Amino acid sequence: MAGISLGPIASGLPKDLVQRLVEAEREPIRQLESRKQNEEAKLELANDLSKKVGDITSKIADLTRFRNFRDLMAEVGRPELMDVTVDKNQAEPGSYQIEVVQMAGHSSMISNGFEDKDETQIGAGYFSYTLPSGEVKEVYIDPENSTLEGIAKIINNQRDLNLSAIVVDDGIGSENPYRIIVSHKGTGEINDAEFPEFYFLDGDEDFYLEKEKMAQNSLIKVNGFDVEFEGNSITSLLPGVSIDLKDVAPGKEFTLQIKEDTQSVRGKIEAMVGTLNDVLGFIQKQNTLDKDSNTRSTLGGDITLQTLEYKIRNLVITPLATEFGNVRMADIGVQFNRQGLLDFNGERFESALKENFDAVAQFFVGLEDGGDGFASQLDSFSKNMIRQQGVVSSRVDGIKRRIRDIDRQIEMKERQIANTERNLKEKFAKLEGTVAKLKAQQASVQGALGGGSLLPNLG
């Protein structure tokens, strides 16, 4: 607050007397502001705790349902022959003997050779091709586009033909190295097309079909049986499994295995343990006190922390029923250390998964999907803690209410001080006026009596 000056004080009182009195009145406000700072520090901690508890819910979301808990992966004995992706929501574990006999192919043709690709005229005309349905399609070539590159351009610009064309150098060093390859875009026998007829007039050179390749299905053997597909991207062989063929190896059988991805599940448990340790570490830090600790600005000993710690510890050490007997967290590699935090033994966890995947899954999920397993119980508990009127949320709301109440008290005190300051100014102004009048009267009397003071205490 700015200093208050009353000018020369006739009464002889200190110039900053009003300021001193006002500052004395502000002491309760300073105490309230100190309390507010402590509450704001607690609010920051409570919000941090709320976030950490919320992180538990997000990290265990994939552990409360069997489909989400389990991740599947493909192990391919010959990865150079195929890429395999797995949809865990549809696929099932299994092992299969695979042989890639044949890849799906397009029906295509290659022309005779030409000396160049963009000068020699083939002539105006057309060629036709026939689909397996018996439908005949014709491609017309005008004189302006009667070179190999011109034909390729016309074919590629007409998408309804469902053809593609390229001009290639056959690379054999002949005098006429340039040829056009025309292919049907669809693979598989259902898209087989024949290129039997070509009609071109007034060309520099004759144009004719030199070779033709028939379309074919992909062919793989599964457990010794032939299975054919129209394309090289196969989604109908195994539920939830997509296969992209890359090469063939007739007579070379290999194993395709769809199995649990223990590394992925391990990562989920490790993330869950990390969030639990965040909460437990937060509680420990708040409860660690020394001679320099300001207990008014921490949550040390708070009932909210006690509730959280008790519930987490109780969940971790309590065995849960599965179809294969009771399972404890310690059985799958998670247990408390001497510092009161959780240790996670990833190798032990993976070993437990490989030994009995269903038992571990039921421990986390429950005997039924979304049942009373560890993750389901922890999920329910953490959500209840941070929901509206939950323990943590109520703690946050309570601190906010106290801060608002302190703000109201400070505002009320400020108004009272402003009134007090105004009243003091008025009183001292009146006092100064009174003293000034008395001094004037004293001076007048002194002049009449020839000197001497009648008001020794005012001069």
Protein backbone atom coordinates (compact mmCIF):
# COMPACT_ATOMS: atom_id res chain seq x y z
CA MET A 1 0.00 0.00 0.00
CA ALA A 2 1.33 3.48 -0.87
CA GLY A 3 2.39 5.70 2.03
CA ILE A 4 -0.22 8.15 3.37
CA SER A 5 0.92 11.74 3.87
CA LEU A 6 -1.06 14.33 5.82
CA GLY A 7 1.41 17.12 5.19
CA PRO A 8 2.89 19.10 8.05
CA ILE A 9 1.23 17.77 11.18
CA ALA A 10 0.36 20.59 13.50
CA SER A 11 -0.31 18.17 16.35
CA GLY A 12 3.26 16.88 16.27
CA LEU A 13 2.10 13.26 15.64
CA PRO A 14 4.14 11.03 13.20
CA LYS A 15 3.41 11.67 9.52
CA ASP A 16 2.92 7.90 8.77
CA LEU A 17 0.73 7.23 11.77
CA VAL A 18 -2.29 6.27 9.61
CA GLN A 19 -0.11 3.97 7.49
CA ARG A 20 1.22 2.28 10.62
CA LEU A 21 -2.27 1.75 11.96
CA VAL A 22 -3.50 0.42 8.58
CA GLU A 23 -0.53 -1.95 8.28
CA ALA A 24 -1.30 -3.27 11.73
CA GLU A 25 -4.85 -3.94 10.53
CA ARG A 26 -3.45 -5.93 7.54
CA GLU A 27 -1.79 -8.59 9.68
CA PRO A 28 -4.83 -10.94 9.51
CA ILE A 29 -4.76 -10.62 5.69
CA ARG A 30 -1.11 -11.65 5.61
CA GLN A 31 -1.99 -14.68 7.67
CA LEU A 32 -4.86 -15.52 5.30
CA GLU A 33 -2.58 -15.15 2.27
CA SER A 34 -0.06 -17.51 3.86
CA ARG A 35 -2.85 -20.02 4.44
CA LYS A 36 -3.95 -19.61 0.83
CA GLN A 37 -0.43 -20.34 -0.44
CA ASN A 38 -0.38 -23.54 1.60
CA GLU A 39 -3.78 -24.57 0.24
CA GLU A 40 -2.71 -23.80 -3.33
CA ALA A 41 0.35 -26.00 -2.84
CA LYS A 42 -1.95 -28.77 -1.58
CA LEU A 43 -4.27 -28.26 -4.55
CA GLU A 44 -1.39 -28.69 -6.97
CA LEU A 45 -0.43 -31.93 -5.22
CA ALA A 46 -4.03 -33.16 -5.16
CA ASN A 47 -4.42 -32.48 -8.89
CA ASP A 48 -1.17 -34.33 -9.54
CA LEU A 49 -2.46 -37.26 -7.53
CA SER A 50 -5.74 -37.23 -9.44
CA LYS A 51 -3.83 -37.40 -12.74
CA LYS A 52 -1.67 -40.28 -11.52
CA VAL A 53 -4.75 -42.24 -10.45
CA GLY A 54 -6.37 -41.49 -13.81
CA ASP A 55 -3.26 -42.83 -15.56
CA ILE A 56 -3.88 -46.18 -13.85
CA THR A 57 -7.23 -46.44 -15.61
CA SER A 58 -5.73 -45.67 -19.02
CA LYS A 59 -2.88 -48.16 -18.60
CA ILE A 60 -5.09 -51.09 -17.60
CA ALA A 61 -7.79 -50.53 -20.23
CA ASP A 62 -6.40 -53.42 -22.29
CA LEU A 63 -6.22 -55.75 -19.28
CA THR A 64 -9.90 -55.95 -18.39
CA ARG A 65 -11.09 -57.95 -21.44
CA PHE A 66 -9.70 -61.22 -22.78
CA ARG A 67 -9.56 -59.99 -26.37
CA ASN A 68 -7.65 -56.87 -25.36
CA PHE A 69 -5.41 -58.65 -22.90
CA ARG A 70 -4.21 -61.16 -25.46
CA ASP A 71 -2.05 -60.03 -28.36
CA LEU A 72 -1.25 -62.39 -31.22
CA MET A 73 1.69 -62.49 -33.56
CA ALA A 74 2.67 -64.48 -36.63
CA GLU A 75 5.89 -66.47 -36.71
CA VAL A 76 6.77 -67.31 -40.32
CA GLY A 77 9.35 -69.98 -41.05
CA ARG A 78 10.16 -68.39 -44.44
CA PRO A 79 9.58 -64.63 -44.02
CA GLU A 80 11.07 -63.98 -47.46
CA LEU A 81 8.06 -65.74 -49.00
CA MET A 82 5.21 -63.91 -47.25
CA ASP A 83 4.25 -61.05 -44.95
CA VAL A 84 1.63 -61.92 -42.34
CA THR A 85 -0.44 -59.59 -40.15
CA VAL A 86 -2.82 -60.68 -37.42
CA ASP A 87 -6.07 -59.17 -36.14
CA LYS A 88 -6.19 -60.29 -32.52
CA ASN A 89 -9.94 -59.73 -32.35
CA GLN A 90 -10.62 -62.39 -34.99
CA ALA A 91 -7.61 -64.70 -35.17
CA GLU A 92 -7.01 -67.78 -33.06
CA PRO A 93 -3.68 -69.39 -32.13
CA GLY A 94 -2.63 -72.27 -34.35
CA SER A 95 0.23 -73.88 -36.26
CA TYR A 96 0.14 -74.67 -40.00
CA GLN A 97 2.45 -76.25 -42.56
CA ILE A 98 2.66 -73.99 -45.62
CA GLU A 99 4.12 -74.33 -49.11
CA VAL A 100 3.97 -71.46 -51.61
CA VAL A 101 3.66 -73.22 -54.96
CA GLN A 102 2.54 -70.44 -57.27
CA MET A 103 1.80 -66.73 -57.13
CA ALA A 104 -1.20 -65.18 -58.84
CA GLY A 105 -0.44 -63.58 -62.19
CA HIS A 106 -1.95 -61.24 -64.75
CA SER A 107 -2.84 -62.22 -68.29
CA SER A 108 -0.50 -60.28 -70.56
CA MET A 109 1.05 -60.09 -74.01
CA ILE A 110 4.31 -58.85 -75.46
CA SER A 111 4.60 -57.59 -79.02
CA ASN A 112 7.25 -58.16 -81.62
CA GLY A 113 10.27 -55.86 -81.56
CA PHE A 114 10.71 -52.41 -83.13
CA GLU A 115 13.75 -50.31 -83.87
CA ASP A 116 12.46 -47.41 -81.79
CA LYS A 117 9.59 -46.63 -79.46
CA ASP A 118 8.41 -43.23 -80.66
CA GLU A 119 9.00 -42.92 -84.42
CA THR A 120 8.11 -46.14 -86.26
CA GLN A 121 4.45 -46.06 -87.28
CA ILE A 122 2.41 -49.16 -86.62
CA GLY A 123 -0.58 -47.78 -88.47
CA ALA A 124 -4.15 -46.92 -87.57
CA GLY A 125 -6.49 -49.64 -86.39
CA TYR A 126 -7.34 -51.56 -83.25
CA PHE A 127 -6.73 -54.68 -81.26
CA SER A 128 -9.24 -56.66 -79.24
CA TYR A 129 -9.16 -58.93 -76.21
CA THR A 130 -11.66 -61.36 -74.77
CA LEU A 131 -12.51 -61.85 -71.09
CA PRO A 132 -13.44 -65.23 -69.55
CA SER A 133 -17.07 -64.05 -69.53
CA GLY A 134 -16.94 -63.91 -73.34
CA GLU A 135 -17.09 -60.13 -73.40
CA VAL A 136 -14.95 -58.66 -76.19
CA LYS A 137 -13.29 -55.27 -75.75
CA GLU A 138 -11.55 -53.27 -78.47
CA VAL A 139 -8.82 -50.64 -78.23
CA TYR A 140 -8.73 -48.15 -81.14
CA ILE A 141 -5.47 -46.54 -82.25
CA ASP A 142 -5.57 -43.32 -84.29
CA PRO A 143 -2.78 -42.32 -86.73
CA GLU A 144 -1.43 -39.66 -84.35
CA ASN A 145 -0.70 -42.32 -81.70
CA SER A 146 0.43 -45.24 -83.81
CA THR A 147 3.89 -45.68 -82.20
CA LEU A 148 4.61 -48.01 -79.31
CA GLU A 149 4.56 -45.11 -76.83
CA GLY A 150 1.37 -43.77 -78.41
CA ILE A 151 -0.40 -47.10 -77.98
CA ALA A 152 0.77 -47.33 -74.35
CA LYS A 153 -0.50 -43.80 -73.69
CA ILE A 154 -3.95 -44.56 -75.13
CA ILE A 155 -4.28 -47.76 -73.10
CA ASN A 156 -3.20 -46.17 -69.83
CA ASN A 157 -5.48 -43.16 -70.30
CA GLN A 158 -8.60 -45.32 -70.68
CA ARG A 159 -9.21 -46.78 -67.23
CA ASP A 160 -12.37 -48.57 -68.25
CA LEU A 161 -10.21 -50.94 -70.33
CA ASN A 162 -8.72 -52.31 -67.08
CA LEU A 163 -5.41 -52.68 -68.88
CA SER A 164 -1.93 -51.32 -68.29
CA ALA A 165 0.83 -50.92 -70.86
CA ILE A 166 4.58 -50.28 -70.77
CA VAL A 167 7.25 -50.02 -73.46
CA VAL A 168 10.41 -51.97 -72.64
CA ASP A 169 13.83 -52.65 -74.07
CA ASP A 170 14.12 -56.42 -74.18
CA GLY A 171 17.82 -56.14 -73.37
CA ILE A 172 18.99 -58.89 -75.72
CA GLY A 173 20.86 -56.55 -78.02
CA SER A 174 18.74 -57.10 -81.10
CA GLU A 175 18.21 -54.56 -83.86
CA ASN A 176 14.57 -54.24 -82.79
CA PRO A 177 14.73 -54.10 -78.97
CA TYR A 178 11.58 -52.13 -78.19
CA ARG A 179 8.38 -53.98 -77.37
CA ILE A 180 5.07 -53.17 -75.71
CA ILE A 181 3.71 -55.26 -72.85
CA VAL A 182 -0.04 -55.07 -72.25
CA SER A 183 -1.47 -56.63 -69.08
CA HIS A 184 -4.88 -57.01 -67.56
CA LYS A 185 -4.90 -55.32 -64.14
CA GLY A 186 -6.76 -58.12 -62.39
CA THR A 187 -4.97 -61.25 -61.20
CA GLY A 188 -6.29 -64.78 -61.09
CA GLU A 189 -7.98 -66.99 -63.62
CA ILE A 190 -11.25 -65.11 -63.25
CA ASN A 191 -9.52 -62.11 -64.85
CA ASP A 192 -7.83 -64.02 -67.66
CA ALA A 193 -7.91 -62.19 -70.98
CA GLU A 194 -6.92 -63.35 -74.48
CA PHE A 195 -5.32 -61.00 -77.00
CA PRO A 196 -6.07 -62.76 -80.30
CA GLU A 197 -6.65 -60.08 -82.94
CA PHE A 198 -4.74 -57.03 -84.18
CA TYR A 199 -5.73 -54.82 -87.15
CA PHE A 200 -3.40 -52.02 -88.23
CA LEU A 201 -3.22 -50.45 -91.70
CA ASP A 202 -0.53 -48.43 -93.49
CA GLY A 203 2.13 -48.95 -90.83
CA ASP A 204 5.90 -48.83 -91.32
CA GLU A 205 6.24 -52.23 -89.67
CA ASP A 206 3.90 -55.09 -88.91
CA PHE A 207 2.61 -55.40 -85.34
CA TYR A 208 1.83 -58.81 -83.95
CA LEU A 209 1.61 -60.81 -80.73
CA GLU A 210 4.87 -62.58 -80.06
CA LYS A 211 4.09 -64.14 -76.67
CA GLU A 212 1.08 -64.37 -74.38
CA LYS A 213 0.92 -65.26 -70.70
CA MET A 214 -2.27 -66.60 -69.24
CA ALA A 215 -3.56 -65.37 -65.89
CA GLN A 216 -3.20 -67.76 -62.97
CA ASN A 217 -4.34 -68.12 -59.39
CA SER A 218 -1.99 -68.18 -56.46
CA LEU A 219 -1.54 -71.69 -55.12
CA ILE A 220 -0.39 -72.64 -51.67
CA LYS A 221 -0.51 -75.88 -49.76
CA VAL A 222 -1.89 -75.82 -46.23
CA ASN A 223 -1.14 -78.92 -44.19
CA GLY A 224 -0.58 -80.75 -47.48
CA PHE A 225 -3.75 -79.61 -49.29
CA ASP A 226 -3.87 -77.32 -52.33
CA VAL A 227 -5.71 -74.01 -51.87
CA GLU A 228 -6.09 -71.45 -54.67
CA PHE A 229 -6.76 -67.70 -54.50
CA GLU A 230 -7.34 -65.05 -57.14
CA GLY A 231 -4.65 -62.70 -55.85
CA ASN A 232 -1.45 -62.60 -53.83
CA SER A 233 -3.10 -60.77 -50.92
CA ILE A 234 -4.99 -63.46 -49.05
CA THR A 235 -7.46 -62.73 -46.24
CA SER A 236 -9.75 -65.76 -46.42
CA LEU A 237 -7.37 -68.57 -45.54
CA LEU A 238 -7.35 -68.12 -41.74
CA PRO A 239 -9.76 -65.93 -39.73
CA GLY A 240 -8.15 -62.63 -38.80
CA VAL A 241 -4.93 -63.40 -40.70
CA SER A 242 -3.80 -61.42 -43.77
CA ILE A 243 -1.11 -62.90 -46.01
CA ASP A 244 0.80 -61.08 -48.74
CA LEU A 245 2.76 -63.48 -50.94
CA LYS A 246 6.21 -62.27 -52.00
CA ASP A 247 7.83 -65.28 -53.64
CA VAL A 248 7.44 -68.99 -54.32
CA ALA A 249 9.35 -72.04 -53.15
CA PRO A 250 7.70 -75.17 -54.60
CA GLY A 251 8.50 -78.26 -52.58
CA LYS A 252 9.81 -76.20 -49.63
CA GLU A 253 7.39 -76.52 -46.72
CA PHE A 254 7.63 -74.25 -43.69
CA THR A 255 5.66 -73.49 -40.52
CA LEU A 256 3.28 -70.57 -40.05
CA GLN A 257 2.41 -70.16 -36.38
CA ILE A 258 -0.16 -67.79 -34.89
CA LYS A 259 0.67 -67.47 -31.21
CA GLU A 260 0.43 -65.24 -28.17
CA ASP A 261 2.69 -62.20 -28.30
CA THR A 262 4.15 -62.44 -24.83
CA GLN A 263 6.40 -59.42 -25.35
CA SER A 264 3.40 -57.20 -26.07
CA VAL A 265 1.48 -58.44 -23.02
CA ARG A 266 4.61 -57.99 -20.92
CA GLY A 267 4.75 -54.36 -22.05
CA LYS A 268 1.18 -53.79 -20.86
CA ILE A 269 1.92 -55.20 -17.39
CA GLU A 270 5.14 -53.23 -17.17
CA ALA A 271 3.25 -50.03 -17.99
CA MET A 272 0.62 -50.85 -15.36
CA VAL A 273 3.29 -51.46 -12.70
CA GLY A 274 4.88 -48.14 -13.65
CA THR A 275 1.66 -46.20 -13.01
CA LEU A 276 1.12 -47.96 -9.67
CA ASN A 277 4.67 -47.06 -8.64
CA ASP A 278 3.98 -43.44 -9.62
CA VAL A 279 1.11 -43.37 -7.14
CA LEU A 280 2.99 -45.27 -4.41
CA GLY A 281 6.07 -43.07 -4.87
CA PHE A 282 3.90 -39.96 -4.62
CA ILE A 283 2.41 -41.22 -1.35
CA GLN A 284 5.84 -42.04 0.09
CA LYS A 285 7.17 -38.60 -0.79
CA GLN A 286 4.22 -36.89 0.89
CA ASN A 287 4.64 -38.99 4.02
CA THR A 288 8.39 -38.35 4.27
CA LEU A 289 8.85 -35.63 6.92
CA ASP A 290 11.86 -34.00 8.54
CA LYS A 291 12.50 -30.96 10.70
CA ASP A 292 12.36 -28.66 7.66
CA SER A 293 9.09 -30.05 6.24
CA ASN A 294 6.16 -27.66 5.96
CA THR A 295 3.32 -30.01 6.82
CA ARG A 296 0.77 -27.29 6.14
CA SER A 297 1.51 -27.39 2.38
CA THR A 298 1.75 -31.17 1.83
CA LEU A 299 -0.68 -34.10 1.87
CA GLY A 300 1.35 -36.10 4.38
CA GLY A 301 -0.89 -38.33 6.51
CA ASP A 302 -3.94 -37.45 4.42
CA ILE A 303 -6.73 -40.04 4.64
CA THR A 304 -6.92 -39.98 0.83
CA LEU A 305 -3.35 -41.24 0.56
CA GLN A 306 -3.93 -43.85 3.22
CA THR A 307 -6.97 -45.15 1.36
CA LEU A 308 -5.10 -45.35 -1.93
CA GLU A 309 -2.05 -47.09 -0.50
CA TYR A 310 -4.10 -49.59 1.47
CA LYS A 311 -6.23 -50.56 -1.52
CA ILE A 312 -3.29 -50.96 -3.91
CA ARG A 313 -1.32 -53.05 -1.43
CA ASN A 314 -4.34 -55.17 -0.63
CA LEU A 315 -5.03 -55.84 -4.30
CA VAL A 316 -1.41 -56.77 -5.00
CA ILE A 317 -1.05 -59.29 -2.17
CA THR A 318 -4.51 -60.89 -2.41
CA PRO A 319 -4.68 -64.17 -4.37
CA LEU A 320 -7.41 -64.40 -7.01
CA ALA A 321 -9.28 -67.47 -8.19
CA THR A 322 -8.81 -68.89 -11.69
CA GLU A 323 -9.90 -72.16 -13.27
CA PHE A 324 -6.41 -73.39 -12.53
CA GLY A 325 -6.30 -72.44 -8.85
CA ASN A 326 -5.44 -69.29 -6.95
CA VAL A 327 -2.86 -66.95 -8.48
CA ARG A 328 -0.91 -64.20 -6.75
CA MET A 329 0.88 -61.23 -8.23
CA ALA A 330 4.15 -62.66 -6.92
CA ASP A 331 3.50 -65.85 -8.94
CA ILE A 332 3.72 -63.86 -12.18
CA GLY A 333 6.70 -61.69 -11.28
CA VAL A 334 5.22 -58.65 -9.50
CA GLN A 335 5.94 -58.02 -5.82
CA PHE A 336 6.83 -55.29 -3.33
CA ASN A 337 10.47 -54.43 -2.63
CA ARG A 338 11.98 -53.04 0.57
CA GLN A 339 11.33 -49.49 -0.55
CA GLY A 340 7.60 -50.16 -0.68
CA LEU A 341 7.43 -50.03 -4.49
CA LEU A 342 6.65 -52.79 -6.98
CA ASP A 343 9.31 -54.78 -8.79
CA PHE A 344 8.45 -56.39 -12.13
CA ASN A 345 10.32 -59.49 -13.25
CA GLY A 346 9.62 -59.57 -16.97
CA GLU A 347 11.27 -62.93 -17.60
CA ARG A 348 9.28 -64.57 -14.85
CA PHE A 349 6.09 -63.04 -16.22
CA GLU A 350 6.75 -64.33 -19.75
CA SER A 351 7.55 -67.74 -18.32
CA ALA A 352 4.19 -67.77 -16.51
CA LEU A 353 2.44 -66.76 -19.75
CA LYS A 354 4.05 -69.58 -21.69
CA GLU A 355 3.31 -72.08 -18.96
CA ASN A 356 -0.39 -71.21 -18.60
CA PHE A 357 -1.58 -68.19 -20.57
CA ASP A 358 -5.21 -68.64 -19.56
CA ALA A 359 -4.40 -68.64 -15.84
CA VAL A 360 -2.53 -65.33 -16.11
CA ALA A 361 -5.29 -63.85 -18.25
CA GLN A 362 -7.97 -64.89 -15.76
CA PHE A 363 -5.96 -63.37 -12.90
CA PHE A 364 -6.16 -59.96 -14.58
CA VAL A 365 -9.54 -60.19 -16.33
CA GLY A 366 -11.51 -62.53 -14.07
CA LEU A 367 -13.19 -65.86 -14.64
CA GLU A 368 -15.57 -64.05 -16.97
CA ASP A 369 -14.85 -61.23 -19.37
CA GLY A 370 -14.69 -57.97 -17.43
CA GLY A 371 -15.18 -59.91 -14.19
CA ASP A 372 -13.50 -59.51 -10.82
CA GLY A 373 -9.89 -59.96 -11.90
CA PHE A 374 -7.04 -57.77 -10.69
CA ALA A 375 -7.25 -55.28 -13.56
CA SER A 376 -11.04 -55.10 -13.35
CA GLN A 377 -10.94 -54.43 -9.60
CA LEU A 378 -8.16 -51.86 -9.95
CA ASP A 379 -9.99 -50.18 -12.82
CA SER A 380 -13.20 -49.92 -10.81
CA PHE A 381 -11.35 -48.64 -7.73
CA SER A 382 -9.33 -45.98 -9.57
CA LYS A 383 -12.40 -44.73 -11.44
CA ASN A 384 -14.33 -44.46 -8.17
CA MET A 385 -11.47 -42.50 -6.64
CA ILE A 386 -11.51 -39.79 -9.30
CA ARG A 387 -15.20 -39.75 -10.23
CA GLN A 388 -17.36 -36.88 -9.05
CA GLN A 389 -17.66 -37.10 -5.26
CA GLY A 390 -14.97 -39.79 -5.24
CA VAL A 391 -12.29 -39.66 -2.54
CA VAL A 392 -9.65 -37.92 -4.63
CA SER A 393 -12.11 -35.64 -6.40
CA SER A 394 -13.70 -34.71 -3.06
CA ARG A 395 -10.25 -33.90 -1.70
CA VAL A 396 -9.58 -31.59 -4.64
CA ASP A 397 -13.00 -29.95 -4.31
CA GLY A 398 -12.50 -29.48 -0.57
CA ILE A 399 -9.21 -27.64 -1.09
CA LYS A 400 -10.78 -25.46 -3.77
CA ARG A 401 -13.62 -24.55 -1.38
CA ARG A 402 -11.13 -23.53 1.32
CA ILE A 403 -9.24 -21.36 -1.18
CA ARG A 404 -12.49 -19.67 -2.22
CA ASP A 405 -13.40 -19.14 1.44
CA ILE A 406 -9.99 -17.58 2.13
CA ASP A 407 -10.43 -15.30 -0.89
CA ARG A 408 -13.79 -14.15 0.50
CA GLN A 409 -12.24 -13.46 3.92
CA ILE A 410 -9.39 -11.49 2.32
CA GLU A 411 -11.86 -9.46 0.27
CA MET A 412 -13.94 -8.71 3.39
CA LYS A 413 -10.84 -7.71 5.38
CA GLU A 414 -9.70 -5.44 2.55
CA ARG A 415 -13.04 -3.64 2.63
CA GLN A 416 -12.83 -3.27 6.42
CA ILE A 417 -9.30 -1.84 6.19
CA ALA A 418 -10.37 0.60 3.50
CA ASN A 419 -13.16 1.83 5.79
CA THR A 420 -10.76 2.04 8.73
CA GLU A 421 -8.24 4.01 6.67
CA ARG A 422 -10.91 6.43 5.51
CA ASN A 423 -12.17 6.96 9.09
CA LEU A 424 -8.66 7.51 10.42
CA LYS A 425 -7.90 10.09 7.75
CA GLU A 426 -11.09 11.95 8.60
CA LYS A 427 -10.33 11.91 12.35
CA PHE A 428 -6.76 13.08 11.94
CA ALA A 429 -7.85 15.75 9.51
CA LYS A 430 -10.30 17.06 12.12
CA LEU A 431 -7.62 16.86 14.79
CA GLU A 432 -5.21 18.83 12.67
CA GLY A 433 -7.85 21.47 12.05
CA THR A 434 -8.60 21.76 15.75
CA VAL A 435 -4.94 22.03 16.71
CA ALA A 436 -4.34 24.61 14.00
CA LYS A 437 -7.19 26.75 15.35
CA LEU A 438 -5.88 26.50 18.90
CA LYS A 439 -2.43 27.52 17.78
CA ALA A 440 -3.86 30.50 15.95
CA GLN A 441 -5.74 31.52 19.08
CA GLN A 442 -2.56 31.08 21.15
CA ALA A 443 -0.62 33.33 18.81
CA SER A 444 -3.35 36.00 19.03
CA VAL A 445 -3.39 35.91 22.85
CA GLN A 446 0.41 36.00 23.00
CA GLY A 447 0.39 39.08 20.84
CA ALA A 448 -2.15 40.78 23.10
CA LEU A 449 -0.29 39.92 26.30
CA GLY A 450 3.12 40.72 24.97
CA GLY A 451 4.46 37.15 24.67
CA GLY A 452 4.25 33.91 26.62
CA SER A 453 2.53 30.71 25.68
CA LEU A 454 -0.83 29.69 26.97
CA LEU A 455 -0.69 26.34 25.12
CA PRO A 456 2.74 24.91 25.90
CA ASN A 457 1.73 21.41 24.90
CA LEU A 458 0.58 22.35 21.41
CA GLY A 459 3.61 24.37 20.24
